[in-house]
Protein backbone atom coordinates (compact mmCIF):
# COMPACT_ATOMS: atom_id res chain seq x y z
CA MET A 1 39.60 -30.26 79.48
CA LEU A 2 38.52 -33.73 78.36
CA LYS A 3 34.93 -32.50 78.00
CA LYS A 4 36.02 -29.65 75.70
CA ALA A 5 37.94 -32.06 73.46
CA GLN A 6 34.96 -34.42 73.32
CA SER A 7 32.64 -31.52 72.42
CA ALA A 8 35.01 -30.40 69.66
CA ILE A 9 35.13 -33.92 68.18
CA GLU A 10 31.33 -34.23 68.34
CA PHE A 11 31.01 -30.84 66.66
CA LEU A 12 33.38 -31.92 63.85
CA ILE A 13 31.43 -35.16 63.36
CA ILE A 14 28.13 -33.26 63.11
CA VAL A 15 29.57 -30.67 60.73
CA SER A 16 31.12 -33.43 58.57
CA PHE A 17 27.83 -35.30 58.47
CA LEU A 18 25.91 -32.15 57.47
CA LEU A 19 28.49 -31.28 54.83
CA PHE A 20 28.24 -34.81 53.40
CA PHE A 21 24.43 -34.68 53.46
CA PHE A 22 24.18 -31.32 51.67
CA THR A 23 26.84 -32.24 49.12
CA SER A 24 24.97 -35.47 48.31
CA PHE A 25 21.68 -33.59 48.11
CA PHE A 26 23.04 -31.00 45.67
CA LEU A 27 24.72 -33.66 43.52
CA VAL A 28 21.42 -35.54 43.16
CA LEU A 29 19.59 -32.29 42.45
CA SER A 30 22.17 -31.30 39.83
CA GLU A 31 21.93 -34.69 38.13
CA ASN A 32 18.14 -34.40 38.07
CA ILE A 33 18.29 -30.95 36.45
CA ASN A 34 20.83 -32.20 33.90
CA THR A 35 18.59 -35.15 32.99
CA LYS A 36 15.56 -32.90 32.55
CA SER A 37 17.58 -30.54 30.35
CA LYS A 38 18.69 -33.42 28.12
CA GLU A 39 15.11 -34.69 27.86
CA ASN A 40 13.94 -31.19 26.92
CA ILE A 41 16.51 -30.83 24.14
CA ASN A 42 15.79 -34.34 22.87
CA GLN A 43 12.08 -33.51 22.74
CA LYS A 44 12.76 -30.32 20.78
CA VAL A 45 14.96 -32.16 18.26
CA THR A 46 12.20 -34.75 17.83
CA ASN A 47 9.53 -32.06 17.48
CA LEU A 48 11.57 -30.29 14.78
CA ALA A 49 11.90 -33.50 12.76
CA TYR A 50 8.19 -34.27 13.00
CA THR A 51 7.22 -30.67 12.18
CA ILE A 52 9.22 -30.84 8.95
CA GLN A 53 7.71 -34.25 8.19
CA GLN A 54 4.23 -32.77 8.62
CA GLU A 55 5.08 -29.85 6.30
CA ILE A 56 6.06 -32.36 3.62
CA ILE A 57 2.94 -34.49 4.16
CA LEU A 58 0.77 -31.37 3.88
CA ALA A 59 2.47 -30.41 0.62
CA HIS A 60 1.95 -33.91 -0.83
CA GLU A 61 -1.74 -33.84 0.12
CA SER A 62 -2.25 -30.39 -1.41
CA THR A 63 -3.02 -29.56 -5.02
CA ASP A 64 -0.50 -28.32 -7.58
CA GLY A 65 0.48 -24.73 -6.97
CA TYR A 66 0.92 -25.23 -3.22
CA ASN A 67 3.52 -22.86 -1.78
CA ARG A 68 4.47 -22.28 1.85
CA VAL A 69 7.42 -20.91 3.81
CA PHE A 70 8.43 -22.53 7.10
CA LYS A 71 11.37 -21.80 9.36
CA ILE A 72 14.05 -24.11 10.73
CA PRO A 73 15.90 -22.63 13.74
CA GLU A 74 19.66 -21.97 13.68
CA ASP A 75 20.10 -23.88 16.94
CA ILE A 76 18.00 -25.72 19.49
CA GLU A 77 18.39 -24.33 23.03
CA GLY A 78 21.91 -23.26 22.07
CA LEU A 79 22.68 -26.70 20.62
CA LYS A 80 24.28 -26.65 17.17
CA TYR A 81 23.03 -29.33 14.82
CA GLU A 82 23.02 -30.39 11.19
CA ILE A 83 20.00 -31.35 9.16
CA THR A 84 20.02 -33.38 5.95
CA MET A 85 17.28 -34.67 3.71
CA THR A 86 17.33 -37.49 1.22
CA LYS A 87 14.33 -38.23 -0.95
CA ASN A 88 12.93 -40.59 1.70
CA GLN A 89 14.13 -39.34 5.11
CA ILE A 90 15.14 -36.41 7.27
CA TYR A 91 18.17 -36.77 9.54
CA ILE A 92 18.93 -34.36 12.38
CA LYS A 93 22.13 -34.77 14.41
CA SER A 94 23.75 -32.53 16.99
CA TYR A 95 27.40 -31.62 16.46
CA ASP A 96 28.29 -33.28 19.77
CA ASN A 97 26.56 -36.51 18.61
CA LYS A 98 24.39 -36.67 21.74
CA TYR A 99 21.10 -36.21 19.90
CA ALA A 100 19.98 -37.66 16.58
CA ILE A 101 16.75 -38.64 14.87
CA THR A 102 15.75 -39.97 11.48
CA VAL A 103 12.17 -39.73 10.26
CA PRO A 104 10.72 -41.06 7.02
CA ILE A 105 9.23 -38.67 4.48
CA LEU A 106 7.45 -38.95 1.19
CA ASN A 107 9.52 -38.50 -1.97
CA THR A 108 10.67 -34.86 -1.92
CA THR A 109 13.39 -33.01 -3.83
CA GLY A 110 15.62 -30.17 -2.70
CA THR A 111 17.57 -29.38 0.44
CA LEU A 112 16.67 -28.15 3.88
CA ILE A 113 18.43 -25.09 5.26
CA LYS A 114 18.39 -23.37 8.62
CA GLY A 115 16.20 -20.31 8.34
CA ASN A 116 13.34 -19.90 5.88
CA ASN A 117 12.49 -22.86 3.65
CA ASN A 118 10.10 -22.63 0.72
CA ILE A 119 8.11 -25.78 0.02
CA THR A 120 6.15 -26.05 -3.23
CA LYS A 121 4.20 -28.57 -5.23
CA GLN A 122 4.25 -28.33 -9.03
CA ASN A 123 3.31 -31.12 -11.44
CA LYS A 124 2.78 -33.47 -8.47
CA ILE A 125 6.43 -32.98 -7.37
CA VAL A 126 7.15 -31.56 -3.92
CA SER A 127 10.29 -29.44 -3.70
CA ILE A 128 11.99 -27.59 -0.89
CA ASN A 129 13.99 -24.46 -1.73
């Protein structure tokens, strides 16, 4: 009888250890996936800002009469964000305030919108929409 009780206790110790090990393993794995997801979204927010900056640089370097349409996505990987432009910078910020970036731009008039944006250069002035 004593041997059966000892075997049951050893079995519970082994099961508890395995349960602890697998729980720890999946928590670390989950944290790793979450970190990679955040890095991916941050990279996409950064890429969007620099893509718009490059569109504006291209327009400034072009001759008068330049006209191009470029698209700004409604969301980034399901993340809702706002985008604003002053004459000297672009600011992108997620609604949850976890992601934000500001990039400098050359003097440009107009406003950025999600969807299609029309960038033009007339009389050496670059305008969006």
